[in-house]
Amino acid sequence: MRRWMFLGGAILAEVTGTLSMKAALDSPILYVVMGVGYAAAFVLLSLTLRCGMPLGVAYGIWGATGVALTAVLSLVFFGEPLTPMMIAGIACIMVGVVLVETGGDR
């Protein structure tokens, strides 16, 4: 259970860092939040791996979920578009992660 909590924290920290990068264009102090977010993301991802989650699974879930959340939250916070093609791309990424995760269960 701890590894999933660490992975969830890593995802949230990475998304926070990424959204802060965009927001920092108007408010440069947010570059600090960006740096802390990315540093926390990597520490938490390392803890996820230390708890025994395979690298391919952890990184795949981290990356795919981060992309999906960032795209949706960019729509909410910055009014950026989320087109049907982008939604299809996010779905493809998520299917790929599921395939990577289940592919090792032989």
N, C-alpha and C. Protein backbone atom coordinates (compact mmCIF):
# COMPACT_ATOMS: atom_id res chain seq x y z
N MET A 1 0.83 -1.20 0.00
CA MET A 1 0.00 0.00 0.00
C MET A 1 0.87 1.27 0.00
N ARG A 2 2.01 1.21 0.70
CA ARG A 2 2.89 2.39 0.76
C ARG A 2 3.40 2.78 -0.61
N ARG A 3 3.71 1.79 -1.43
CA ARG A 3 4.25 2.13 -2.75
C ARG A 3 3.24 2.90 -3.58
N TRP A 4 1.95 2.57 -3.45
CA TRP A 4 0.91 3.29 -4.19
C TRP A 4 0.73 4.70 -3.64
N MET A 5 0.89 4.86 -2.33
CA MET A 5 0.81 6.21 -1.75
C MET A 5 1.99 7.06 -2.23
N PHE A 6 3.18 6.47 -2.25
CA PHE A 6 4.34 7.20 -2.75
C PHE A 6 4.16 7.56 -4.23
N LEU A 7 3.65 6.61 -5.01
CA LEU A 7 3.44 6.88 -6.43
C LEU A 7 2.40 7.97 -6.64
N GLY A 8 1.33 7.93 -5.89
CA GLY A 8 0.31 8.99 -5.97
C GLY A 8 0.89 10.35 -5.62
N GLY A 9 1.72 10.38 -4.58
CA GLY A 9 2.38 11.63 -4.20
C GLY A 9 3.33 12.11 -5.29
N ALA A 10 4.05 11.18 -5.92
CA ALA A 10 4.97 11.54 -7.00
C ALA A 10 4.21 12.15 -8.18
N ILE A 11 3.07 11.57 -8.49
CA ILE A 11 2.24 12.08 -9.58
C ILE A 11 1.75 13.49 -9.26
N LEU A 12 1.21 13.67 -8.07
CA LEU A 12 0.70 14.99 -7.69
C LEU A 12 1.81 16.03 -7.64
N ALA A 13 2.99 15.65 -7.16
CA ALA A 13 4.11 16.59 -7.09
C ALA A 13 4.57 16.98 -8.49
N GLU A 14 4.62 16.01 -9.41
CA GLU A 14 5.05 16.30 -10.78
C GLU A 14 4.05 17.19 -11.49
N VAL A 15 2.78 16.92 -11.32
CA VAL A 15 1.74 17.74 -11.95
C VAL A 15 1.77 19.16 -11.37
N THR A 16 1.97 19.27 -10.07
CA THR A 16 2.09 20.59 -9.44
C THR A 16 3.28 21.35 -10.01
N GLY A 17 4.41 20.67 -10.16
CA GLY A 17 5.59 21.31 -10.73
C GLY A 17 5.35 21.77 -12.15
N THR A 18 4.70 20.94 -12.93
CA THR A 18 4.45 21.27 -14.33
C THR A 18 3.47 22.43 -14.46
N LEU A 19 2.40 22.41 -13.71
CA LEU A 19 1.44 23.52 -13.75
C LEU A 19 2.07 24.81 -13.24
N SER A 20 2.95 24.68 -12.25
CA SER A 20 3.64 25.86 -11.72
C SER A 20 4.57 26.48 -12.76
N MET A 21 5.13 25.63 -13.62
CA MET A 21 6.01 26.14 -14.67
C MET A 21 5.24 27.10 -15.58
N LYS A 22 4.04 26.71 -15.95
CA LYS A 22 3.21 27.57 -16.80
C LYS A 22 2.80 28.83 -16.05
N ALA A 23 2.37 28.68 -14.81
CA ALA A 23 1.93 29.82 -14.02
C ALA A 23 3.07 30.77 -13.70
N ALA A 24 4.29 30.26 -13.63
CA ALA A 24 5.46 31.09 -13.31
C ALA A 24 5.78 32.10 -14.41
N LEU A 25 5.25 31.88 -15.60
CA LEU A 25 5.46 32.86 -16.67
C LEU A 25 4.88 34.22 -16.28
N ASP A 26 3.80 34.20 -15.48
CA ASP A 26 3.18 35.44 -15.01
C ASP A 26 3.60 35.81 -13.60
N SER A 27 4.03 34.83 -12.83
CA SER A 27 4.41 35.07 -11.44
C SER A 27 5.70 34.27 -11.15
N PRO A 28 6.86 34.87 -11.40
CA PRO A 28 8.13 34.13 -11.32
C PRO A 28 8.42 33.43 -9.99
N ILE A 29 7.81 33.85 -8.91
CA ILE A 29 8.04 33.18 -7.63
C ILE A 29 7.61 31.71 -7.69
N LEU A 30 6.72 31.39 -8.62
CA LEU A 30 6.24 30.02 -8.74
C LEU A 30 7.29 29.07 -9.32
N TYR A 31 8.41 29.61 -9.79
CA TYR A 31 9.51 28.73 -10.19
C TYR A 31 10.03 27.95 -8.98
N VAL A 32 9.90 28.52 -7.80
CA VAL A 32 10.30 27.81 -6.59
C VAL A 32 9.38 26.59 -6.39
N VAL A 33 8.08 26.81 -6.57
CA VAL A 33 7.13 25.71 -6.44
C VAL A 33 7.43 24.64 -7.49
N MET A 34 7.77 25.07 -8.69
CA MET A 34 8.11 24.13 -9.75
C MET A 34 9.30 23.26 -9.33
N GLY A 35 10.36 23.88 -8.86
CA GLY A 35 11.55 23.14 -8.45
C GLY A 35 11.27 22.17 -7.32
N VAL A 36 10.52 22.63 -6.32
CA VAL A 36 10.18 21.77 -5.19
C VAL A 36 9.29 20.61 -5.66
N GLY A 37 8.36 20.92 -6.55
CA GLY A 37 7.47 19.88 -7.07
C GLY A 37 8.22 18.78 -7.79
N TYR A 38 9.14 19.18 -8.67
CA TYR A 38 9.91 18.18 -9.40
C TYR A 38 10.85 17.41 -8.47
N ALA A 39 11.49 18.08 -7.55
CA ALA A 39 12.37 17.38 -6.61
C ALA A 39 11.57 16.36 -5.79
N ALA A 40 10.41 16.79 -5.29
CA ALA A 40 9.56 15.88 -4.50
C ALA A 40 9.10 14.71 -5.35
N ALA A 41 8.78 14.97 -6.61
CA ALA A 41 8.32 13.90 -7.50
C ALA A 41 9.38 12.81 -7.64
N PHE A 42 10.63 13.23 -7.84
CA PHE A 42 11.68 12.23 -8.02
C PHE A 42 12.00 11.49 -6.72
N VAL A 43 11.95 12.19 -5.61
CA VAL A 43 12.17 11.51 -4.32
C VAL A 43 11.07 10.48 -4.09
N LEU A 44 9.83 10.89 -4.31
CA LEU A 44 8.71 9.97 -4.08
C LEU A 44 8.72 8.81 -5.08
N LEU A 45 9.12 9.07 -6.31
CA LEU A 45 9.23 7.98 -7.28
C LEU A 45 10.32 7.00 -6.85
N SER A 46 11.41 7.51 -6.31
CA SER A 46 12.47 6.63 -5.79
C SER A 46 11.98 5.78 -4.63
N LEU A 47 11.18 6.37 -3.76
CA LEU A 47 10.62 5.62 -2.64
C LEU A 47 9.65 4.54 -3.14
N THR A 48 8.93 4.86 -4.21
CA THR A 48 8.03 3.86 -4.81
C THR A 48 8.83 2.65 -5.27
N LEU A 49 9.94 2.91 -5.93
CA LEU A 49 10.79 1.82 -6.41
C LEU A 49 11.41 1.05 -5.24
N ARG A 50 11.80 1.78 -4.21
CA ARG A 50 12.39 1.13 -3.03
C ARG A 50 11.40 0.17 -2.37
N CYS A 51 10.11 0.49 -2.48
CA CYS A 51 9.07 -0.38 -1.90
C CYS A 51 8.76 -1.59 -2.76
N GLY A 52 9.43 -1.71 -3.90
CA GLY A 52 9.31 -2.93 -4.69
C GLY A 52 8.50 -2.84 -5.97
N MET A 53 8.00 -1.67 -6.32
CA MET A 53 7.26 -1.58 -7.58
C MET A 53 8.26 -1.62 -8.74
N PRO A 54 8.00 -2.43 -9.76
CA PRO A 54 8.90 -2.48 -10.91
C PRO A 54 9.01 -1.12 -11.60
N LEU A 55 10.19 -0.81 -12.10
CA LEU A 55 10.45 0.48 -12.73
C LEU A 55 9.52 0.76 -13.89
N GLY A 56 9.32 -0.21 -14.78
CA GLY A 56 8.47 0.01 -15.95
C GLY A 56 7.04 0.34 -15.56
N VAL A 57 6.54 -0.32 -14.54
CA VAL A 57 5.18 -0.07 -14.06
C VAL A 57 5.10 1.30 -13.41
N ALA A 58 6.01 1.58 -12.49
CA ALA A 58 5.98 2.86 -11.77
C ALA A 58 6.12 4.04 -12.72
N TYR A 59 7.11 3.97 -13.60
CA TYR A 59 7.36 5.08 -14.51
C TYR A 59 6.22 5.24 -15.51
N GLY A 60 5.68 4.14 -15.97
CA GLY A 60 4.56 4.20 -16.91
C GLY A 60 3.33 4.84 -16.30
N ILE A 61 2.98 4.41 -15.11
CA ILE A 61 1.81 4.99 -14.44
C ILE A 61 2.07 6.45 -14.10
N TRP A 62 3.26 6.75 -13.60
CA TRP A 62 3.63 8.12 -13.25
C TRP A 62 3.53 9.03 -14.47
N GLY A 63 4.13 8.60 -15.56
CA GLY A 63 4.15 9.42 -16.77
C GLY A 63 2.77 9.60 -17.38
N ALA A 64 2.05 8.50 -17.53
CA ALA A 64 0.73 8.56 -18.18
C ALA A 64 -0.27 9.35 -17.35
N THR A 65 -0.29 9.09 -16.07
CA THR A 65 -1.22 9.82 -15.21
C THR A 65 -0.86 11.29 -15.15
N GLY A 66 0.45 11.58 -15.11
CA GLY A 66 0.89 12.97 -15.11
C GLY A 66 0.46 13.70 -16.37
N VAL A 67 0.60 13.05 -17.52
CA VAL A 67 0.18 13.66 -18.79
C VAL A 67 -1.32 13.93 -18.78
N ALA A 68 -2.10 12.93 -18.38
CA ALA A 68 -3.56 13.08 -18.38
C ALA A 68 -4.01 14.18 -17.42
N LEU A 69 -3.50 14.16 -16.20
CA LEU A 69 -3.88 15.18 -15.22
C LEU A 69 -3.44 16.58 -15.65
N THR A 70 -2.25 16.68 -16.20
CA THR A 70 -1.76 17.98 -16.64
C THR A 70 -2.62 18.53 -17.77
N ALA A 71 -3.00 17.68 -18.70
CA ALA A 71 -3.85 18.13 -19.80
C ALA A 71 -5.21 18.61 -19.30
N VAL A 72 -5.82 17.85 -18.41
CA VAL A 72 -7.14 18.22 -17.89
C VAL A 72 -7.04 19.49 -17.03
N LEU A 73 -6.04 19.54 -16.16
CA LEU A 73 -5.91 20.71 -15.29
C LEU A 73 -5.46 21.96 -16.05
N SER A 74 -4.77 21.78 -17.17
CA SER A 74 -4.43 22.93 -18.01
C SER A 74 -5.69 23.54 -18.62
N LEU A 75 -6.66 22.70 -18.91
CA LEU A 75 -7.95 23.18 -19.37
C LEU A 75 -8.63 23.99 -18.27
N VAL A 76 -8.63 23.44 -17.06
CA VAL A 76 -9.31 24.08 -15.93
C VAL A 76 -8.63 25.39 -15.53
N PHE A 77 -7.31 25.38 -15.37
CA PHE A 77 -6.60 26.55 -14.83
C PHE A 77 -6.19 27.58 -15.88
N PHE A 78 -5.88 27.11 -17.08
CA PHE A 78 -5.33 28.02 -18.08
C PHE A 78 -6.20 28.16 -19.33
N GLY A 79 -7.31 27.43 -19.37
CA GLY A 79 -8.19 27.51 -20.53
C GLY A 79 -7.59 26.92 -21.80
N GLU A 80 -6.60 26.05 -21.65
CA GLU A 80 -5.98 25.44 -22.82
C GLU A 80 -6.92 24.38 -23.39
N PRO A 81 -6.86 24.16 -24.70
CA PRO A 81 -7.80 23.21 -25.33
C PRO A 81 -7.50 21.77 -24.95
N LEU A 82 -8.54 20.98 -24.95
CA LEU A 82 -8.45 19.53 -24.80
C LEU A 82 -9.30 18.95 -25.92
N THR A 83 -8.67 18.71 -27.04
CA THR A 83 -9.37 18.29 -28.25
C THR A 83 -9.65 16.80 -28.24
N PRO A 84 -10.56 16.36 -29.09
CA PRO A 84 -10.80 14.91 -29.19
C PRO A 84 -9.53 14.13 -29.54
N MET A 85 -8.65 14.68 -30.35
CA MET A 85 -7.40 14.01 -30.70
C MET A 85 -6.51 13.87 -29.46
N MET A 86 -6.47 14.90 -28.63
CA MET A 86 -5.68 14.83 -27.40
C MET A 86 -6.26 13.78 -26.45
N ILE A 87 -7.57 13.74 -26.35
CA ILE A 87 -8.22 12.75 -25.49
C ILE A 87 -7.91 11.34 -25.99
N ALA A 88 -7.93 11.16 -27.30
CA ALA A 88 -7.58 9.85 -27.88
C ALA A 88 -6.13 9.49 -27.56
N GLY A 89 -5.23 10.48 -27.63
CA GLY A 89 -3.83 10.23 -27.31
C GLY A 89 -3.65 9.84 -25.86
N ILE A 90 -4.35 10.50 -24.97
CA ILE A 90 -4.29 10.15 -23.54
C ILE A 90 -4.79 8.72 -23.34
N ALA A 91 -5.87 8.36 -24.03
CA ALA A 91 -6.41 6.99 -23.91
C ALA A 91 -5.38 5.98 -24.40
N CYS A 92 -4.69 6.29 -25.50
CA CYS A 92 -3.66 5.38 -26.02
C CYS A 92 -2.52 5.20 -25.02
N ILE A 93 -2.11 6.29 -24.39
CA ILE A 93 -1.06 6.21 -23.38
C ILE A 93 -1.49 5.30 -22.24
N MET A 94 -2.72 5.47 -21.80
CA MET A 94 -3.21 4.68 -20.67
C MET A 94 -3.31 3.20 -21.05
N VAL A 95 -3.74 2.91 -22.26
CA VAL A 95 -3.79 1.52 -22.71
C VAL A 95 -2.37 0.95 -22.73
N GLY A 96 -1.42 1.73 -23.20
CA GLY A 96 -0.03 1.28 -23.21
C GLY A 96 0.48 0.96 -21.82
N VAL A 97 0.13 1.78 -20.86
CA VAL A 97 0.56 1.53 -19.47
C VAL A 97 -0.05 0.23 -18.96
N VAL A 98 -1.30 0.01 -19.25
CA VAL A 98 -1.95 -1.24 -18.81
C VAL A 98 -1.25 -2.44 -19.45
N LEU A 99 -0.92 -2.33 -20.73
CA LEU A 99 -0.21 -3.43 -21.41
C LEU A 99 1.15 -3.68 -20.79
N VAL A 100 1.89 -2.62 -20.46
CA VAL A 100 3.19 -2.79 -19.83
C VAL A 100 3.03 -3.44 -18.45
N GLU A 101 2.03 -2.97 -17.71
CA GLU A 101 1.83 -3.50 -16.36
C GLU A 101 1.42 -4.97 -16.37
N THR A 102 0.56 -5.34 -17.27
CA THR A 102 0.07 -6.72 -17.30
C THR A 102 0.98 -7.63 -18.13
N GLY A 103 1.87 -7.07 -18.94
CA GLY A 103 2.73 -7.86 -19.80
C GLY A 103 3.73 -8.72 -19.05
N GLY A 104 4.05 -8.35 -17.84
CA GLY A 104 5.03 -9.11 -17.05
C GLY A 104 4.41 -10.25 -16.27
N ASP A 105 3.10 -10.41 -16.35
CA ASP A 105 2.41 -11.45 -15.56
C ASP A 105 2.32 -12.76 -16.34
N ARG A 106 3.46 -13.33 -16.70
CA ARG A 106 3.45 -14.61 -17.44
C ARG A 106 3.80 -15.73 -16.52
